[in-house]
Amino acid sequence: MTGAEGRRGGPDLSVTIAGVKLRNPVIAASGTFGYGGEYRGLLDIAGLGGICTKGLTLHPRPGNAGVRLHETPSGLMNSIGLENPGVAGFIEGELPRLRRLGPAVIVNLAGADMAEYAAAAALLDGTEIDMIELNISCPNVKAGGMAFGLDPAAAGAVTAAARKAAAHKPLMVKLSPNAPDLAAVARACVNAGADALSLVNTFKALAIDVIRRRPVFDRESAGLSGPAIRPIALRMVWDIWAAQQSWAAGPGGPPGGPVPIVGMGGIAAAGDALEFLMAGAAAVQVGSATFARPPAMNEIIAGIGRYMKENGLSALGELTAAARYPR
């Protein structure tokens, strides 16, 4: 169901995140949807709210060697390592095709150091993308990545550098569930200019091959996603929404007040997405579920629309944080 359908009398699923209007709150998560075209013919891509690209870096990267995916009970571990064509290669080869697909284009941007983040953000600033998702939370790279997302000072510094370099694009920062103090990291990012927060990235995890008696992955640990992490990810969205309200009410809070949250982590059905919305998310990203069932996002969008219609809700905003203010 789209915003147009809402204007014809049904529920309006559209939502605006940091000035970017999405036809509905369901976004394809980074690293699970390539650059959009890979899923052509398997689902209604044009019906999605947005597409978050595979993680990009300033320069091309080959990714990690060895096993890259490993299934676990109710989950999936990955160690892809940000394989990508580089920002310039993306702009020239992928962006024109991605732009034609219809949904909002969100570029997931990673880097090895602040200079690389800033240089890449500057290149993206002059393109037709809708938003940058600053990835400071990837656990599968040796340099940069999650290291920035664990420490509030580092997170704030890299956010400020990207904000300055990409002054014309909305900036959403993707947070790591592995941070010792996630609220402090979130506050540092918002203070440094983040227009939105997305959470959470994968959990650092380990699997061992009992035949080889060695870790499954060459880099030993990997990122865990899928339904197994959903209750923890949901709790983190709940906590960061509440933290933002307390900052707004107290002294020294972020100058712009609370920013929108895009929630993710094991969302596989409409009920899962509704939980995240009711916990405080304005939109959601869906990842691992698409591997198992490519039309999952279309089904989730339709399910949210049905729920709203059955419960007499006309606008998506009526669901945001509804678990805190039940109607």
Protein backbone atom coordinates (compact mmCIF):
# COMPACT_ATOMS: atom_id res chain seq x y z
CA MET A 1 0.00 0.00 0.00
CA THR A 2 1.41 3.42 -0.96
CA GLY A 3 0.78 7.04 -0.08
CA ALA A 4 -1.35 7.27 -3.22
CA GLU A 5 -3.59 4.52 -1.89
CA GLY A 6 -3.89 6.46 1.34
CA ARG A 7 -5.20 9.46 -0.60
CA ARG A 8 -7.88 7.22 -2.11
CA GLY A 9 -9.29 6.58 1.33
CA GLY A 10 -7.11 3.82 2.79
CA PRO A 11 -4.38 4.21 5.42
CA ASP A 12 -1.47 6.45 4.41
CA LEU A 13 1.77 4.51 4.92
CA SER A 14 4.07 7.32 3.83
CA VAL A 15 6.69 8.67 6.22
CA THR A 16 9.29 11.42 6.05
CA ILE A 17 12.76 10.70 7.45
CA ALA A 18 15.11 13.68 7.69
CA GLY A 19 13.26 15.44 4.88
CA VAL A 20 13.14 12.38 2.62
CA LYS A 21 9.62 11.15 1.91
CA LEU A 22 9.19 7.38 1.65
CA ARG A 23 6.00 5.87 0.20
CA ASN A 24 5.99 3.43 3.12
CA PRO A 25 8.26 2.64 6.11
CA VAL A 26 9.95 -0.49 4.72
CA ILE A 27 13.53 -0.15 3.50
CA ALA A 28 15.75 -2.88 2.07
CA ALA A 29 18.66 -3.18 4.50
CA SER A 30 22.26 -2.63 3.45
CA GLY A 31 24.17 -5.74 2.44
CA THR A 32 21.04 -7.77 1.73
CA PHE A 33 19.73 -6.19 -1.47
CA GLY A 34 22.83 -5.45 -3.49
CA TYR A 35 22.18 -2.33 -5.55
CA GLY A 36 18.54 -3.18 -6.22
CA GLY A 37 18.66 -4.81 -9.63
CA GLU A 38 19.72 -8.19 -8.29
CA TYR A 39 16.15 -8.83 -7.10
CA ARG A 40 14.38 -7.67 -10.25
CA GLY A 41 11.49 -10.03 -11.02
CA LEU A 42 11.47 -11.57 -7.53
CA LEU A 43 9.41 -8.88 -5.80
CA ASP A 44 7.78 -5.51 -6.44
CA ILE A 45 10.86 -3.31 -5.98
CA ALA A 46 9.01 -0.12 -6.91
CA GLY A 47 6.65 -0.74 -3.99
CA LEU A 48 9.39 -0.44 -1.37
CA GLY A 49 9.89 2.68 0.71
CA GLY A 50 13.63 2.76 0.13
CA ILE A 51 16.73 0.79 -0.80
CA CYS A 52 19.86 0.99 1.32
CA THR A 53 22.83 0.02 -0.81
CA LYS A 54 25.52 -2.52 -0.14
CA GLY A 55 28.16 -0.83 1.98
CA LEU A 56 30.44 1.47 -0.04
CA THR A 57 33.95 2.72 0.67
CA LEU A 58 36.00 5.40 -1.03
CA HIS A 59 38.12 2.83 -2.86
CA PRO A 60 37.02 -0.60 -4.21
CA ARG A 61 37.37 -3.53 -1.82
CA PRO A 62 37.51 -7.27 -2.59
CA GLY A 63 35.86 -8.34 0.66
CA ASN A 64 36.85 -11.15 3.00
CA ALA A 65 38.30 -14.49 1.98
CA GLY A 66 36.90 -17.84 3.09
CA VAL A 67 33.36 -18.62 4.25
CA ARG A 68 31.10 -15.59 4.09
CA LEU A 69 27.71 -16.90 5.22
CA HIS A 70 26.82 -19.42 7.92
CA GLU A 71 23.34 -20.33 9.12
CA THR A 72 22.54 -20.63 12.80
CA PRO A 73 19.26 -21.50 14.56
CA SER A 74 16.93 -18.57 13.75
CA GLY A 75 19.85 -16.55 12.45
CA LEU A 76 22.49 -15.92 9.83
CA MET A 77 26.15 -15.05 10.33
CA ASN A 78 28.06 -13.09 7.71
CA SER A 79 31.60 -11.97 7.07
CA ILE A 80 31.38 -10.30 3.67
CA GLY A 81 33.92 -7.60 4.42
CA LEU A 82 32.38 -4.68 2.50
CA GLU A 83 33.13 -5.96 -0.99
CA ASN A 84 32.19 -3.06 -3.25
CA PRO A 85 33.19 -1.12 -6.41
CA GLY A 86 34.11 2.07 -4.55
CA VAL A 87 32.09 5.27 -4.45
CA ALA A 88 33.16 6.49 -7.90
CA GLY A 89 32.40 3.09 -9.43
CA PHE A 90 28.98 3.10 -7.77
CA ILE A 91 28.16 6.59 -9.00
CA GLU A 92 29.09 5.71 -12.58
CA GLY A 93 27.91 2.13 -12.82
CA GLU A 94 25.15 1.49 -10.28
CA LEU A 95 23.44 4.74 -9.31
CA PRO A 96 21.67 5.47 -12.63
CA ARG A 97 20.04 2.01 -12.61
CA LEU A 98 19.21 2.23 -8.90
CA ARG A 99 17.64 5.65 -9.33
CA ARG A 100 15.27 4.29 -12.00
CA LEU A 101 13.87 1.60 -9.68
CA GLY A 102 11.65 4.09 -7.84
CA PRO A 103 12.26 3.80 -4.06
CA ALA A 104 14.33 6.34 -2.15
CA VAL A 105 18.06 5.71 -2.55
CA ILE A 106 20.07 5.51 0.69
CA VAL A 107 23.81 4.92 0.38
CA ASN A 108 25.48 2.98 3.17
CA LEU A 109 28.93 4.49 3.58
CA ALA A 110 31.88 2.96 5.46
CA GLY A 111 35.55 3.83 5.72
CA ALA A 112 38.90 3.00 7.26
CA ASP A 113 39.48 6.43 8.79
CA MET A 114 37.84 9.83 9.06
CA ALA A 115 39.60 11.21 5.99
CA GLU A 116 38.23 8.35 3.89
CA TYR A 117 34.72 8.82 5.25
CA ALA A 118 34.86 12.55 4.51
CA ALA A 119 36.25 12.16 0.98
CA ALA A 120 33.60 9.59 0.09
CA ALA A 121 30.81 11.67 1.62
CA ALA A 122 31.94 14.67 -0.43
CA LEU A 123 31.67 12.64 -3.64
CA LEU A 124 28.16 11.51 -2.74
CA ASP A 125 27.07 15.02 -1.85
CA GLY A 126 26.93 16.00 -5.51
CA THR A 127 24.82 13.05 -6.66
CA GLU A 128 21.10 12.28 -6.85
CA ILE A 129 21.03 9.96 -3.84
CA ASP A 130 18.42 10.77 -1.20
CA MET A 131 20.36 10.04 1.98
CA ILE A 132 23.64 8.74 3.38
CA GLU A 133 23.62 6.01 6.02
CA LEU A 134 26.95 6.37 7.82
CA ASN A 135 28.08 2.87 8.73
CA ILE A 136 30.16 3.08 11.92
CA SER A 137 29.12 -0.36 13.07
CA CYS A 138 30.31 -3.07 10.66
CA PRO A 139 32.03 -5.86 12.65
CA ASN A 140 33.59 -7.54 9.61
CA VAL A 141 36.44 -5.22 8.62
CA LYS A 142 39.90 -4.78 10.09
CA ALA A 143 40.03 -0.99 10.09
CA GLY A 144 37.34 1.61 10.74
CA GLY A 145 33.86 0.13 10.76
CA MET A 146 32.71 -0.90 14.20
CA ALA A 147 35.70 0.75 15.91
CA PHE A 148 34.07 4.16 15.36
CA GLY A 149 30.72 2.97 16.68
CA LEU A 150 31.98 1.72 20.03
CA ASP A 151 33.32 5.00 21.39
CA PRO A 152 31.15 8.13 21.71
CA ALA A 153 34.02 10.53 20.98
CA ALA A 154 35.07 8.65 17.84
CA ALA A 155 31.45 8.31 16.70
CA GLY A 156 30.86 12.02 17.13
CA ALA A 157 34.06 12.93 15.31
CA VAL A 158 33.39 10.80 12.24
CA THR A 159 29.76 11.98 12.13
CA ALA A 160 30.92 15.60 12.22
CA ALA A 161 33.43 14.96 9.43
CA ALA A 162 30.79 13.35 7.21
CA ARG A 163 28.26 16.07 8.05
CA LYS A 164 30.68 18.77 6.97
CA ALA A 165 31.66 16.94 3.77
CA ALA A 166 28.08 16.15 2.72
CA ALA A 167 26.33 19.34 3.73
CA HIS A 168 23.49 18.89 1.22
CA LYS A 169 22.46 15.33 2.05
CA PRO A 170 20.51 14.01 5.05
CA LEU A 171 22.80 11.94 7.25
CA MET A 172 21.62 8.83 9.10
CA VAL A 173 24.12 7.06 11.36
CA LYS A 174 23.97 3.28 11.75
CA LEU A 175 24.73 2.21 15.31
CA SER A 176 26.41 -0.91 16.65
CA PRO A 177 24.69 -3.12 19.25
CA ASN A 178 28.18 -4.00 20.45
CA ALA A 179 28.79 -0.53 21.92
CA PRO A 180 29.29 -0.57 25.71
CA ASP A 181 27.07 2.53 26.03
CA LEU A 182 24.82 2.75 23.01
CA ALA A 183 22.91 5.78 24.30
CA ALA A 184 26.14 7.75 24.70
CA VAL A 185 27.17 6.89 21.13
CA ALA A 186 23.73 7.89 19.84
CA ARG A 187 23.86 11.21 21.69
CA ALA A 188 27.33 11.97 20.33
CA CYS A 189 26.15 11.32 16.77
CA VAL A 190 23.06 13.51 17.13
CA ASN A 191 25.10 16.30 18.72
CA ALA A 192 27.52 16.07 15.78
CA GLY A 193 24.79 16.55 13.19
CA ALA A 194 23.09 13.21 12.52
CA ASP A 195 19.63 13.75 11.05
CA ALA A 196 18.48 10.21 11.88
CA LEU A 197 19.72 7.03 13.56
CA SER A 198 19.44 3.46 12.28
CA LEU A 199 19.82 0.54 14.67
CA VAL A 200 21.00 -2.05 15.05
CA ASN A 201 23.76 -3.55 12.92
CA THR A 202 24.77 -7.18 13.43
CA PHE A 203 25.97 -8.64 16.72
CA LYS A 204 29.56 -9.85 16.91
CA ALA A 205 29.38 -13.64 17.15
CA LEU A 206 31.39 -16.84 16.72
CA ALA A 207 30.85 -20.24 15.12
CA ILE A 208 33.24 -23.21 15.22
CA ASP A 209 33.56 -25.99 12.65
CA VAL A 210 33.81 -29.07 14.87
CA ILE A 211 35.22 -31.19 12.02
CA ARG A 212 38.08 -28.81 11.32
CA ARG A 213 38.26 -27.71 14.96
CA ARG A 214 38.62 -24.16 13.78
CA PRO A 215 36.38 -21.09 13.61
CA VAL A 216 34.09 -21.17 10.59
CA PHE A 217 35.21 -17.73 9.43
CA ASP A 218 38.76 -16.76 8.49
CA ARG A 219 38.44 -13.63 10.61
CA GLU A 220 37.12 -15.79 13.49
CA SER A 221 34.16 -13.64 14.53
CA ALA A 222 31.34 -12.52 12.24
CA GLY A 223 28.08 -10.57 12.37
CA LEU A 224 24.88 -12.29 13.53
CA SER A 225 21.52 -11.20 12.11
CA GLY A 226 18.06 -12.74 11.74
CA PRO A 227 15.10 -13.43 14.05
CA ALA A 228 17.39 -14.55 16.89
CA ILE A 229 18.46 -10.95 17.52
CA ARG A 230 15.05 -9.30 17.15
CA PRO A 231 14.04 -8.99 20.84
CA ILE A 232 17.40 -7.45 21.73
CA ALA A 233 17.35 -5.07 18.76
CA LEU A 234 13.79 -4.08 19.66
CA ARG A 235 14.85 -3.30 23.23
CA MET A 236 17.66 -1.11 21.91
CA VAL A 237 15.27 0.89 19.73
CA TRP A 238 13.02 1.27 22.78
CA ASP A 239 15.96 2.49 24.88
CA ILE A 240 17.28 5.00 22.33
CA TRP A 241 13.83 6.46 21.75
CA ALA A 242 13.47 6.97 25.52
CA ALA A 243 16.99 8.37 25.82
CA GLN A 244 16.22 10.99 23.17
CA GLN A 245 13.16 12.16 25.07
CA SER A 246 15.23 12.59 28.23
CA TRP A 247 17.90 14.58 26.36
CA ALA A 248 15.25 16.88 24.92
CA ALA A 249 13.81 17.49 28.39
CA GLY A 250 17.15 18.10 30.10
CA PRO A 251 19.96 20.66 29.78
CA GLY A 252 22.62 20.28 27.11
CA GLY A 253 20.52 18.14 24.82
CA PRO A 254 21.06 17.88 21.06
CA PRO A 255 20.28 21.25 19.42
CA GLY A 256 17.73 19.79 17.02
CA GLY A 257 15.94 17.61 19.54
CA PRO A 258 15.08 13.94 18.97
CA VAL A 259 15.80 12.57 15.49
CA PRO A 260 13.91 9.77 13.70
CA ILE A 261 14.93 6.16 14.37
CA VAL A 262 14.98 3.48 11.67
CA GLY A 263 14.81 0.11 13.42
CA MET A 264 16.13 -3.21 12.21
CA GLY A 265 17.15 -6.63 13.43
CA GLY A 266 15.40 -9.86 12.51
CA ILE A 267 12.24 -8.34 11.06
CA ALA A 268 10.56 -11.06 9.00
CA ALA A 269 6.81 -10.33 9.16
CA ALA A 270 4.41 -7.42 9.52
CA GLY A 271 3.99 -8.08 13.24
CA ASP A 272 7.74 -7.73 13.73
CA ALA A 273 7.78 -4.39 11.92
CA LEU A 274 4.81 -3.17 13.95
CA GLU A 275 6.69 -3.93 17.16
CA PHE A 276 9.59 -1.72 16.07
CA LEU A 277 7.25 1.08 15.05
CA MET A 278 5.40 0.87 18.33
CA ALA A 279 8.70 0.93 20.23
CA GLY A 280 9.61 4.27 18.65
CA ALA A 281 10.94 3.62 15.15
CA ALA A 282 9.63 5.83 12.35
CA ALA A 283 10.60 3.23 9.72
CA VAL A 284 12.27 -0.19 9.51
CA GLN A 285 14.87 -2.01 7.47
CA VAL A 286 14.46 -5.65 6.44
CA GLY A 287 17.48 -7.79 5.62
CA SER A 288 17.93 -11.49 6.30
CA ALA A 289 14.26 -12.26 5.65
CA THR A 290 14.72 -11.26 2.00
CA PHE A 291 17.29 -14.02 1.51
CA ALA A 292 14.83 -16.68 2.65
CA ARG A 293 11.72 -15.15 1.09
CA PRO A 294 12.33 -12.42 -1.51
CA PRO A 295 8.75 -11.02 -1.39
CA ALA A 296 8.97 -10.61 2.42
CA MET A 297 9.15 -6.81 2.28
CA ASN A 298 6.08 -6.55 0.03
CA GLU A 299 4.22 -8.82 2.45
CA ILE A 300 5.29 -6.70 5.41
CA ILE A 301 4.09 -3.49 3.71
CA ALA A 302 0.72 -5.08 2.92
CA GLY A 303 0.45 -6.41 6.48
CA ILE A 304 1.08 -2.99 8.02
CA GLY A 305 -1.62 -1.54 5.77
CA ARG A 306 -4.10 -4.23 6.82
CA TYR A 307 -3.36 -3.67 10.50
CA MET A 308 -3.92 0.06 10.15
CA LYS A 309 -7.18 -0.42 8.30
CA GLU A 310 -8.47 -2.98 10.79
CA ASN A 311 -7.60 -0.70 13.70
CA GLY A 312 -8.95 2.52 12.22
CA LEU A 313 -5.56 4.20 11.78
CA SER A 314 -5.25 6.70 8.96
CA ALA A 315 -1.57 7.74 9.16
CA LEU A 316 1.58 5.79 9.92
CA GLY A 317 2.65 8.27 12.59
CA GLU A 318 -0.15 6.96 14.80
CA LEU A 319 1.91 3.79 15.25
CA THR A 320 5.22 5.44 16.20
CA ALA A 321 5.88 4.87 19.91
CA ALA A 322 2.30 3.64 20.28
CA ALA A 323 3.40 1.06 22.86
CA ARG A 324 4.32 3.97 25.13
CA TYR A 325 1.09 5.87 24.56
CA PRO A 326 -1.53 3.20 23.83
CA ARG A 327 -4.73 4.55 22.34
